[in-house]
Amino acid sequence: MGLDVCGLTVKRVLTENNIYRRKATEKPTLSPKHKDARLAFCLQYLYQNWAEVVFTDESYFETGALGRRRARGVLPCPGEAYLPQNLNRKFAQGTTVMF
């Protein structure tokens, strides 16, 4: 752009606008079939009394070349964490086991 700007000035302006370098949000890749199934589930249980439901936690273990994968930093504005350009795809390599 032909601008002569100090790096500290850029950092200050970004900070003033609540834009910070963060690790990209991780999100599994969903096929259209998975998206349709999730929407159908939401519509089916829209009026469910969730106070009577017990939730449990799940953990994922991923095999493969984890040492070679590097998280890339992003500069999202507030509310932009789930935009495609701000995501790291999960489970891109190796095998994933849930327990």
PDB file of N, CA and C in Angstrom:
ATOM      1  N   MET A   1       0.826  -1.203   0.000  1.00  0.00           N
ATOM      2  CA  MET A   1       0.000   0.000   0.000  1.00  0.00           C
ATOM      3  C   MET A   1       0.864   1.259   0.000  1.00  0.00           C
ATOM      4  N   GLY A   2       2.173   1.072   0.152  1.00  0.00           N
ATOM      5  CA  GLY A   2       3.058   2.232   0.112  1.00  0.00           C
ATOM      6  C   GLY A   2       3.048   3.058   1.379  1.00  0.00           C
ATOM      7  N   LEU A   3       2.624   2.508   2.505  1.00  0.00           N
ATOM      8  CA  LEU A   3       2.588   3.250   3.763  1.00  0.00           C
ATOM      9  C   LEU A   3       3.882   3.048   4.524  1.00  0.00           C
ATOM     10  N   ASP A   4       4.352   4.092   5.178  1.00  0.00           N
ATOM     11  CA  ASP A   4       5.537   4.013   6.024  1.00  0.00           C
ATOM     12  C   ASP A   4       5.044   4.130   7.464  1.00  0.00           C
ATOM     13  N   VAL A   5       4.750   2.983   8.107  1.00  0.00           N
ATOM     14  CA  VAL A   5       4.156   2.981   9.437  1.00  0.00           C
ATOM     15  C   VAL A   5       4.992   2.117  10.368  1.00  0.00           C
ATOM     16  N   CYS A   6       5.187   2.575  11.562  1.00  0.00           N
ATOM     17  CA  CYS A   6       5.928   1.831  12.581  1.00  0.00           C
ATOM     18  C   CYS A   6       5.097   0.630  13.039  1.00  0.00           C
ATOM     19  N   GLY A   7       5.766  -0.495  13.283  1.00  0.00           N
ATOM     20  CA  GLY A   7       5.079  -1.699  13.762  1.00  0.00           C
ATOM     21  C   GLY A   7       4.345  -1.474  15.070  1.00  0.00           C
ATOM     22  N   LEU A   8       4.899  -0.657  15.954  1.00  0.00           N
ATOM     23  CA  LEU A   8       4.227  -0.372  17.225  1.00  0.00           C
ATOM     24  C   LEU A   8       2.927   0.404  17.005  1.00  0.00           C
ATOM     25  N   THR A   9       2.904   1.256  16.005  1.00  0.00           N
ATOM     26  CA  THR A   9       1.675   1.996  15.683  1.00  0.00           C
ATOM     27  C   THR A   9       0.594   1.031  15.219  1.00  0.00           C
ATOM     28  N   VAL A  10       0.982   0.088  14.360  1.00  0.00           N
ATOM     29  CA  VAL A  10       0.018  -0.911  13.885  1.00  0.00           C
ATOM     30  C   VAL A  10      -0.517  -1.714  15.068  1.00  0.00           C
ATOM     31  N   LYS A  11       0.368  -2.169  15.951  1.00  0.00           N
ATOM     32  CA  LYS A  11      -0.049  -2.946  17.131  1.00  0.00           C
ATOM     33  C   LYS A  11      -0.996  -2.134  18.015  1.00  0.00           C
ATOM     34  N   ARG A  12      -0.681  -0.843  18.234  1.00  0.00           N
ATOM     35  CA  ARG A  12      -1.516   0.006  19.071  1.00  0.00           C
ATOM     36  C   ARG A  12      -2.917   0.176  18.471  1.00  0.00           C
ATOM     37  N   VAL A  13      -2.982   0.421  17.163  1.00  0.00           N
ATOM     38  CA  VAL A  13      -4.280   0.615  16.495  1.00  0.00           C
ATOM     39  C   VAL A  13      -5.101  -0.675  16.549  1.00  0.00           C
ATOM     40  N   LEU A  14      -4.444  -1.828  16.313  1.00  0.00           N
ATOM     41  CA  LEU A  14      -5.170  -3.096  16.409  1.00  0.00           C
ATOM     42  C   LEU A  14      -5.689  -3.324  17.822  1.00  0.00           C
ATOM     43  N   THR A  15      -4.864  -3.046  18.837  1.00  0.00           N
ATOM     44  CA  THR A  15      -5.270  -3.208  20.230  1.00  0.00           C
ATOM     45  C   THR A  15      -6.437  -2.288  20.569  1.00  0.00           C
ATOM     46  N   GLU A  16      -6.399  -1.060  20.109  1.00  0.00           N
ATOM     47  CA  GLU A  16      -7.499  -0.116  20.354  1.00  0.00           C
ATOM     48  C   GLU A  16      -8.813  -0.612  19.768  1.00  0.00           C
ATOM     49  N   ASN A  17      -8.735  -1.458  18.733  1.00  0.00           N
ATOM     50  CA  ASN A  17      -9.939  -1.995  18.084  1.00  0.00           C
ATOM     51  C   ASN A  17     -10.231  -3.437  18.509  1.00  0.00           C
ATOM     52  N   ASN A  18      -9.637  -3.847  19.650  1.00  0.00           N
ATOM     53  CA  ASN A  18      -9.855  -5.193  20.210  1.00  0.00           C
ATOM     54  C   ASN A  18      -9.500  -6.308  19.234  1.00  0.00           C
ATOM     55  N   ILE A  19      -8.434  -6.118  18.471  1.00  0.00           N
ATOM     56  CA  ILE A  19      -7.958  -7.153  17.542  1.00  0.00           C
ATOM     57  C   ILE A  19      -6.607  -7.625  18.058  1.00  0.00           C
ATOM     58  N   TYR A  20      -6.568  -8.890  18.492  1.00  0.00           N
ATOM     59  CA  TYR A  20      -5.364  -9.468  19.065  1.00  0.00           C
ATOM     60  C   TYR A  20      -5.026 -10.751  18.322  1.00  0.00           C
ATOM     61  N   ARG A  21      -3.753 -11.105  18.299  1.00  0.00           N
ATOM     62  CA  ARG A  21      -3.334 -12.371  17.698  1.00  0.00           C
ATOM     63  C   ARG A  21      -3.776 -13.492  18.631  1.00  0.00           C
ATOM     64  N   ARG A  22      -4.502 -14.453  18.071  1.00  0.00           N
ATOM     65  CA  ARG A  22      -5.011 -15.581  18.840  1.00  0.00           C
ATOM     66  C   ARG A  22      -4.787 -16.856  18.050  1.00  0.00           C
ATOM     67  N   LYS A  23      -4.805 -17.962  18.764  1.00  0.00           N
ATOM     68  CA  LYS A  23      -4.780 -19.250  18.094  1.00  0.00           C
ATOM     69  C   LYS A  23      -6.119 -19.406  17.376  1.00  0.00           C
ATOM     70  N   ALA A  24      -6.086 -19.900  16.151  1.00  0.00           N
ATOM     71  CA  ALA A  24      -7.322 -20.070  15.380  1.00  0.00           C
ATOM     72  C   ALA A  24      -8.246 -21.055  16.089  1.00  0.00           C
ATOM     73  N   THR A  25      -9.539 -20.812  16.038  1.00  0.00           N
ATOM     74  CA  THR A  25     -10.535 -21.711  16.600  1.00  0.00           C
ATOM     75  C   THR A  25     -10.518 -23.019  15.831  1.00  0.00           C
ATOM     76  N   GLU A  26     -10.556 -24.138  16.543  1.00  0.00           N
ATOM     77  CA  GLU A  26     -10.569 -25.432  15.873  1.00  0.00           C
ATOM     78  C   GLU A  26     -12.004 -25.926  15.754  1.00  0.00           C
ATOM     79  N   LYS A  27     -12.304 -26.459  14.604  1.00  0.00           N
ATOM     80  CA  LYS A  27     -13.662 -26.916  14.331  1.00  0.00           C
ATOM     81  C   LYS A  27     -13.583 -28.102  13.384  1.00  0.00           C
ATOM     82  N   PRO A  28     -14.283 -29.197  13.693  1.00  0.00           N
ATOM     83  CA  PRO A  28     -14.252 -30.330  12.767  1.00  0.00           C
ATOM     84  C   PRO A  28     -14.946 -29.985  11.450  1.00  0.00           C
ATOM     85  N   THR A  29     -14.459 -30.582  10.373  1.00  0.00           N
ATOM     86  CA  THR A  29     -15.070 -30.381   9.068  1.00  0.00           C
ATOM     87  C   THR A  29     -16.378 -31.173   9.011  1.00  0.00           C
ATOM     88  N   LEU A  30     -17.462 -30.516   8.655  1.00  0.00           N
ATOM     89  CA  LEU A  30     -18.766 -31.174   8.563  1.00  0.00           C
ATOM     90  C   LEU A  30     -19.212 -31.260   7.110  1.00  0.00           C
ATOM     91  N   SER A  31     -19.711 -32.417   6.734  1.00  0.00           N
ATOM     92  CA  SER A  31     -20.266 -32.584   5.390  1.00  0.00           C
ATOM     93  C   SER A  31     -21.688 -32.019   5.388  1.00  0.00           C
ATOM     94  N   PRO A  32     -22.247 -31.769   4.226  1.00  0.00           N
ATOM     95  CA  PRO A  32     -23.647 -31.321   4.178  1.00  0.00           C
ATOM     96  C   PRO A  32     -24.590 -32.309   4.887  1.00  0.00           C
ATOM     97  N   LYS A  33     -24.298 -33.611   4.800  1.00  0.00           N
ATOM     98  CA  LYS A  33     -25.125 -34.625   5.476  1.00  0.00           C
ATOM     99  C   LYS A  33     -25.071 -34.432   6.995  1.00  0.00           C
ATOM    100  N   HIS A  34     -23.874 -34.173   7.539  1.00  0.00           N
ATOM    101  CA  HIS A  34     -23.735 -33.943   8.979  1.00  0.00           C
ATOM    102  C   HIS A  34     -24.467 -32.666   9.407  1.00  0.00           C
ATOM    103  N   LYS A  35     -24.354 -31.633   8.592  1.00  0.00           N
ATOM    104  CA  LYS A  35     -25.030 -30.373   8.908  1.00  0.00           C
ATOM    105  C   LYS A  35     -26.543 -30.562   8.937  1.00  0.00           C
ATOM    106  N   ASP A  36     -27.071 -31.303   7.951  1.00  0.00           N
ATOM    107  CA  ASP A  36     -28.511 -31.568   7.909  1.00  0.00           C
ATOM    108  C   ASP A  36     -28.956 -32.369   9.133  1.00  0.00           C
ATOM    109  N   ALA A  37     -28.145 -33.351   9.541  1.00  0.00           N
ATOM    110  CA  ALA A  37     -28.487 -34.166  10.705  1.00  0.00           C
ATOM    111  C   ALA A  37     -28.494 -33.327  11.977  1.00  0.00           C
ATOM    112  N   ARG A  38     -27.546 -32.418  12.106  1.00  0.00           N
ATOM    113  CA  ARG A  38     -27.509 -31.547  13.290  1.00  0.00           C
ATOM    114  C   ARG A  38     -28.713 -30.618  13.332  1.00  0.00           C
ATOM    115  N   LEU A  39     -29.078 -30.065  12.184  1.00  0.00           N
ATOM    116  CA  LEU A  39     -30.245 -29.186  12.127  1.00  0.00           C
ATOM    117  C   LEU A  39     -31.514 -29.963  12.472  1.00  0.00           C
ATOM    118  N   ALA A  40     -31.651 -31.183  11.945  1.00  0.00           N
ATOM    119  CA  ALA A  40     -32.830 -32.014  12.242  1.00  0.00           C
ATOM    120  C   ALA A  40     -32.908 -32.304  13.732  1.00  0.00           C
ATOM    121  N   PHE A  41     -31.765 -32.588  14.368  1.00  0.00           N
ATOM    122  CA  PHE A  41     -31.740 -32.838  15.811  1.00  0.00           C
ATOM    123  C   PHE A  41     -32.215 -31.599  16.570  1.00  0.00           C
ATOM    124  N   CYS A  42     -31.708 -30.432  16.184  1.00  0.00           N
ATOM    125  CA  CYS A  42     -32.101 -29.183  16.852  1.00  0.00           C
ATOM    126  C   CYS A  42     -33.595 -28.930  16.731  1.00  0.00           C
ATOM    127  N   LEU A  43     -34.130 -29.145  15.546  1.00  0.00           N
ATOM    128  CA  LEU A  43     -35.567 -28.914  15.341  1.00  0.00           C
ATOM    129  C   LEU A  43     -36.409 -29.937  16.096  1.00  0.00           C
ATOM    130  N   GLN A  44     -35.918 -31.187  16.158  1.00  0.00           N
ATOM    131  CA  GLN A  44     -36.658 -32.237  16.869  1.00  0.00           C
ATOM    132  C   GLN A  44     -36.741 -31.945  18.368  1.00  0.00           C
ATOM    133  N   TYR A  45     -35.679 -31.424  18.947  1.00  0.00           N
ATOM    134  CA  TYR A  45     -35.626 -31.211  20.389  1.00  0.00           C
ATOM    135  C   TYR A  45     -35.689 -29.734  20.772  1.00  0.00           C
ATOM    136  N   LEU A  46     -36.284 -28.932  19.930  1.00  0.00           N
ATOM    137  CA  LEU A  46     -36.358 -27.493  20.155  1.00  0.00           C
ATOM    138  C   LEU A  46     -37.003 -27.150  21.491  1.00  0.00           C
ATOM    139  N   TYR A  47     -38.038 -27.877  21.868  1.00  0.00           N
ATOM    140  CA  TYR A  47     -38.770 -27.564  23.091  1.00  0.00           C
ATOM    141  C   TYR A  47     -38.501 -28.574  24.200  1.00  0.00           C
ATOM    142  N   GLN A  48     -37.408 -29.301  24.110  1.00  0.00           N
ATOM    143  CA  GLN A  48     -37.012 -30.268  25.133  1.00  0.00           C
ATOM    144  C   GLN A  48     -36.723 -29.532  26.444  1.00  0.00           C
ATOM    145  N   ASN A  49     -37.117 -30.138  27.570  1.00  0.00           N
ATOM    146  CA  ASN A  49     -36.777 -29.588  28.878  1.00  0.00           C
ATOM    147  C   ASN A  49     -35.357 -30.046  29.213  1.00  0.00           C
ATOM    148  N   TRP A  50     -34.367 -29.232  28.910  1.00  0.00           N
ATOM    149  CA  TRP A  50     -32.970 -29.611  29.063  1.00  0.00           C
ATOM    150  C   TRP A  50     -32.530 -29.639  30.518  1.00  0.00           C
ATOM    151  N   ALA A  51     -33.356 -29.160  31.428  1.00  0.00           N
ATOM    152  CA  ALA A  51     -33.022 -29.232  32.857  1.00  0.00           C
ATOM    153  C   ALA A  51     -33.054 -30.672  33.348  1.00  0.00           C
ATOM    154  N   GLU A  52     -33.700 -31.580  32.619  1.00  0.00           N
ATOM    155  CA  GLU A  52     -33.804 -32.986  33.016  1.00  0.00           C
ATOM    156  C   GLU A  52     -32.796 -33.874  32.283  1.00  0.00           C
ATOM    157  N   VAL A  53     -31.827 -33.280  31.599  1.00  0.00           N
ATOM    158  CA  VAL A  53     -30.864 -34.034  30.799  1.00  0.00           C
ATOM    159  C   VAL A  53     -29.489 -33.943  31.446  1.00  0.00           C
ATOM    160  N   VAL A  54     -28.778 -35.066  31.478  1.00  0.00           N
ATOM    161  CA  VAL A  54     -27.427 -35.102  32.014  1.00  0.00           C
ATOM    162  C   VAL A  54     -26.449 -35.130  30.838  1.00  0.00           C
ATOM    163  N   PHE A  55     -25.486 -34.227  30.863  1.00  0.00           N
ATOM    164  CA  PHE A  55     -24.476 -34.174  29.816  1.00  0.00           C
ATOM    165  C   PHE A  55     -23.169 -34.759  30.335  1.00  0.00           C
ATOM    166  N   THR A  56     -22.438 -35.455  29.477  1.00  0.00           N
ATOM    167  CA  THR A  56     -21.124 -35.974  29.839  1.00  0.00           C
ATOM    168  C   THR A  56     -20.083 -35.371  28.911  1.00  0.00           C
ATOM    169  N   ASP A  57     -18.842 -35.473  29.303  1.00  0.00           N
ATOM    170  CA  ASP A  57     -17.757 -34.901  28.517  1.00  0.00           C
ATOM    171  C   ASP A  57     -17.102 -35.991  27.677  1.00  0.00           C
ATOM    172  N   GLU A  58     -16.548 -35.629  26.543  1.00  0.00           N
ATOM    173  CA  GLU A  58     -15.843 -36.552  25.674  1.00  0.00           C
ATOM    174  C   GLU A  58     -14.428 -36.033  25.484  1.00  0.00           C
ATOM    175  N   SER A  59     -13.494 -36.934  25.265  1.00  0.00           N
ATOM    176  CA  SER A  59     -12.119 -36.559  24.978  1.00  0.00           C
ATOM    177  C   SER A  59     -11.698 -37.223  23.680  1.00  0.00           C
ATOM    178  N   TYR A  60     -10.896 -36.516  22.899  1.00  0.00           N
ATOM    179  CA  TYR A  60     -10.395 -37.042  21.639  1.00  0.00           C
ATOM    180  C   TYR A  60      -8.887 -37.243  21.755  1.00  0.00           C
ATOM    181  N   PHE A  61      -8.416 -38.317  21.196  1.00  0.00           N
ATOM    182  CA  PHE A  61      -6.990 -38.586  21.108  1.00  0.00           C
ATOM    183  C   PHE A  61      -6.671 -38.736  19.633  1.00  0.00           C
ATOM    184  N   GLU A  62      -5.715 -37.973  19.155  1.00  0.00           N
ATOM    185  CA  GLU A  62      -5.379 -37.999  17.733  1.00  0.00           C
ATOM    186  C   GLU A  62      -3.981 -38.567  17.549  1.00  0.00           C
ATOM    187  N   THR A  63      -3.877 -39.561  16.676  1.00  0.00           N
ATOM    188  CA  THR A  63      -2.570 -40.110  16.342  1.00  0.00           C
ATOM    189  C   THR A  63      -2.062 -39.428  15.090  1.00  0.00           C
ATOM    190  N   GLY A  64      -0.858 -39.696  14.721  1.00  0.00           N
ATOM    191  CA  GLY A  64      -0.324 -39.116  13.496  1.00  0.00           C
ATOM    192  C   GLY A  64       0.809 -38.166  13.787  1.00  0.00           C
ATOM    193  N   ALA A  65       1.130 -37.336  12.843  1.00  0.00           N
ATOM    194  CA  ALA A  65       2.278 -36.446  12.922  1.00  0.00           C
ATOM    195  C   ALA A  65       1.936 -35.157  13.656  1.00  0.00           C
ATOM    196  N   LEU A  66       1.635 -35.268  14.944  1.00  0.00           N
ATOM    197  CA  LEU A  66       1.254 -34.078  15.707  1.00  0.00           C
ATOM    198  C   LEU A  66       2.400 -33.086  15.827  1.00  0.00           C
ATOM    199  N   GLY A  67       3.641 -33.596  15.889  1.00  0.00           N
ATOM    200  CA  GLY A  67       4.783 -32.706  16.031  1.00  0.00           C
ATOM    201  C   GLY A  67       4.987 -31.800  14.830  1.00  0.00           C
ATOM    202  N   ARG A  68       4.538 -32.225  13.665  1.00  0.00           N
ATOM    203  CA  ARG A  68       4.723 -31.414  12.457  1.00  0.00           C
ATOM    204  C   ARG A  68       3.600 -30.405  12.257  1.00  0.00           C
ATOM    205  N   ARG A  69       2.498 -30.592  12.963  1.00  0.00           N
ATOM    206  CA  ARG A  69       1.383 -29.652  12.806  1.00  0.00           C
ATOM    207  C   ARG A  69       1.641 -28.420  13.645  1.00  0.00           C
ATOM    208  N   ARG A  70       1.416 -27.282  13.087  1.00  0.00           N
ATOM    209  CA  ARG A  70       1.613 -26.039  13.820  1.00  0.00           C
ATOM    210  C   ARG A  70       0.329 -25.226  13.755  1.00  0.00           C
ATOM    211  N   ALA A  71      -0.048 -24.673  14.909  1.00  0.00           N
ATOM    212  CA  ALA A  71      -1.220 -23.804  14.936  1.00  0.00           C
ATOM    213  C   ALA A  71      -0.838 -22.478  14.293  1.00  0.00           C
ATOM    214  N   ARG A  72      -1.686 -21.969  13.440  1.00  0.00           N
ATOM    215  CA  ARG A  72      -1.414 -20.674  12.836  1.00  0.00           C
ATOM    216  C   ARG A  72      -2.208 -19.622  13.590  1.00  0.00           C
ATOM    217  N   GLY A  73      -1.603 -18.481  13.786  1.00  0.00           N
ATOM    218  CA  GLY A  73      -2.281 -17.404  14.488  1.00  0.00           C
ATOM    219  C   GLY A  73      -3.179 -16.628  13.541  1.00  0.00           C
ATOM    220  N   VAL A  74      -4.217 -16.063  14.076  1.00  0.00           N
ATOM    221  CA  VAL A  74      -5.144 -15.254  13.288  1.00  0.00           C
ATOM    222  C   VAL A  74      -5.412 -13.955  14.036  1.00  0.00           C
ATOM    223  N   LEU A  75      -5.947 -12.974  13.346  1.00  0.00           N
ATOM    224  CA  LEU A  75      -6.297 -11.685  13.947  1.00  0.00           C
ATOM    225  C   LEU A  75      -7.791 -11.428  13.756  1.00  0.00           C
ATOM    226  N   PRO A  76      -8.652 -12.181  14.457  1.00  0.00           N
ATOM    227  CA  PRO A  76     -10.088 -11.977  14.273  1.00  0.00           C
ATOM    228  C   PRO A  76     -10.591 -10.771  15.053  1.00  0.00           C
ATOM    229  N   CYS A  77     -11.550 -10.090  14.494  1.00  0.00           N
ATOM    230  CA  CYS A  77     -12.260  -9.050  15.233  1.00  0.00           C
ATOM    231  C   CYS A  77     -13.265  -9.745  16.149  1.00  0.00           C
ATOM    232  N   PRO A  78     -13.763  -9.072  17.177  1.00  0.00           N
ATOM    233  CA  PRO A  78     -14.760  -9.693  18.051  1.00  0.00           C
ATOM    234  C   PRO A  78     -15.937 -10.231  17.244  1.00  0.00           C
ATOM    235  N   GLY A  79     -16.352 -11.472  17.533  1.00  0.00           N
ATOM    236  CA  GLY A  79     -17.478 -12.085  16.845  1.00  0.00           C
ATOM    237  C   GLY A  79     -17.111 -12.801  15.558  1.00  0.00           C
ATOM    238  N   GLU A  80     -15.816 -12.870  15.213  1.00  0.00           N
ATOM    239  CA  GLU A  80     -15.402 -13.488  13.956  1.00  0.00           C
ATOM    240  C   GLU A  80     -14.673 -14.813  14.145  1.00  0.00           C
ATOM    241  N   ALA A  81     -14.744 -15.408  15.334  1.00  0.00           N
ATOM    242  CA  ALA A  81     -13.984 -16.631  15.631  1.00  0.00           C
ATOM    243  C   ALA A  81     -14.346 -17.787  14.714  1.00  0.00           C
ATOM    244  N   TYR A  82     -15.594 -17.871  14.258  1.00  0.00           N
ATOM    245  CA  TYR A  82     -16.023 -19.016  13.467  1.00  0.00           C
ATOM    246  C   TYR A  82     -16.120 -18.736  11.967  1.00  0.00           C
ATOM    247  N   LEU A  83     -15.571 -17.621  11.513  1.00  0.00           N
ATOM    248  CA  LEU A  83     -15.505 -17.389  10.076  1.00  0.00           C
ATOM    249  C   LEU A  83     -14.486 -18.363   9.489  1.00  0.00           C
ATOM    250  N   PRO A  84     -14.722 -18.865   8.269  1.00  0.00           N
ATOM    251  CA  PRO A  84     -13.830 -19.876   7.689  1.00  0.00           C
ATOM    252  C   PRO A  84     -12.352 -19.498   7.696  1.00  0.00           C
ATOM    253  N   GLN A  85     -12.033 -18.235   7.461  1.00  0.00           N
ATOM    254  CA  GLN A  85     -10.628 -17.834   7.415  1.00  0.00           C
ATOM    255  C   GLN A  85      -9.965 -17.830   8.792  1.00  0.00           C
ATOM    256  N   ASN A  86     -10.759 -17.965   9.869  1.00  0.00           N
ATOM    257  CA  ASN A  86     -10.219 -17.952  11.224  1.00  0.00           C
ATOM    258  C   ASN A  86     -10.240 -19.325  11.881  1.00  0.00           C
ATOM    259  N   LEU A  87     -10.396 -20.380  11.102  1.00  0.00           N
ATOM    260  CA  LEU A  87     -10.502 -21.729  11.656  1.00  0.00           C
ATOM    261  C   LEU A  87      -9.311 -22.591  11.281  1.00  0.00           C
ATOM    262  N   ASN A  88      -8.944 -23.489  12.185  1.00  0.00           N
ATOM    263  CA  ASN A  88      -8.041 -24.588  11.888  1.00  0.00           C
ATOM    264  C   ASN A  88      -8.902 -25.829  11.833  1.00  0.00           C
ATOM    265  N   ARG A  89      -8.800 -26.598  10.777  1.00  0.00           N
ATOM    266  CA  ARG A  89      -9.575 -27.821  10.666  1.00  0.00           C
ATOM    267  C   ARG A  89      -9.007 -28.865  11.613  1.00  0.00           C
ATOM    268  N   LYS A  90      -9.878 -29.499  12.386  1.00  0.00           N
ATOM    269  CA  LYS A  90      -9.444 -30.552  13.297  1.00  0.00           C
ATOM    270  C   LYS A  90      -9.391 -31.888  12.561  1.00  0.00           C
ATOM    271  N   PHE A  91      -8.550 -32.761  13.049  1.00  0.00           N
ATOM    272  CA  PHE A  91      -8.476 -34.143  12.600  1.00  0.00           C
ATOM    273  C   PHE A  91      -8.131 -34.258  11.116  1.00  0.00           C
ATOM    274  N   ALA A  92      -7.238 -33.414  10.665  1.00  0.00           N
ATOM    275  CA  ALA A  92      -6.873 -33.444   9.250  1.00  0.00           C
ATOM    276  C   ALA A  92      -5.980 -34.629   8.908  1.00  0.00           C
ATOM    277  N   GLN A  93      -5.231 -35.140   9.888  1.00  0.00           N
ATOM    278  CA  GLN A  93      -4.298 -36.241   9.624  1.00  0.00           C
ATOM    279  C   GLN A  93      -4.433 -37.273  10.721  1.00  0.00           C
ATOM    280  N   GLY A  94      -3.959 -38.471  10.449  1.00  0.00           N
ATOM    281  CA  GLY A  94      -3.917 -39.500  11.474  1.00  0.00           C
ATOM    282  C   GLY A  94      -5.297 -40.067  11.772  1.00  0.00           C
ATOM    283  N   THR A  95      -5.359 -40.781  12.858  1.00  0.00           N
ATOM    284  CA  THR A  95      -6.600 -41.416  13.298  1.00  0.00           C
ATOM    285  C   THR A  95      -7.074 -40.756  14.571  1.00  0.00           C
ATOM    286  N   THR A  96      -8.368 -40.586  14.721  1.00  0.00           N
ATOM    287  CA  THR A  96      -8.931 -39.978  15.924  1.00  0.00           C
ATOM    288  C   THR A  96      -9.746 -41.025  16.671  1.00  0.00           C
ATOM    289  N   VAL A  97      -9.514 -41.100  17.963  1.00  0.00           N
ATOM    290  CA  VAL A  97     -10.242 -42.034  18.819  1.00  0.00           C
ATOM    291  C   VAL A  97     -10.944 -41.226  19.895  1.00  0.00           C
ATOM    292  N   MET A  98     -12.227 -41.461  20.099  1.00  0.00           N
ATOM    293  CA  MET A  98     -12.978 -40.755  21.135  1.00  0.00           C
ATOM    294  C   MET A  98     -13.230 -41.704  22.284  1.00  0.00           C
ATOM    295  N   PHE A  99     -13.045 -41.219  23.507  1.00  0.00           N
ATOM    296  CA  PHE A  99     -13.366 -42.018  24.682  1.00  0.00           C
ATOM    297  C   PHE A  99     -13.967 -41.146  25.756  1.00  0.00           C
TER     298      PHE A  99
END
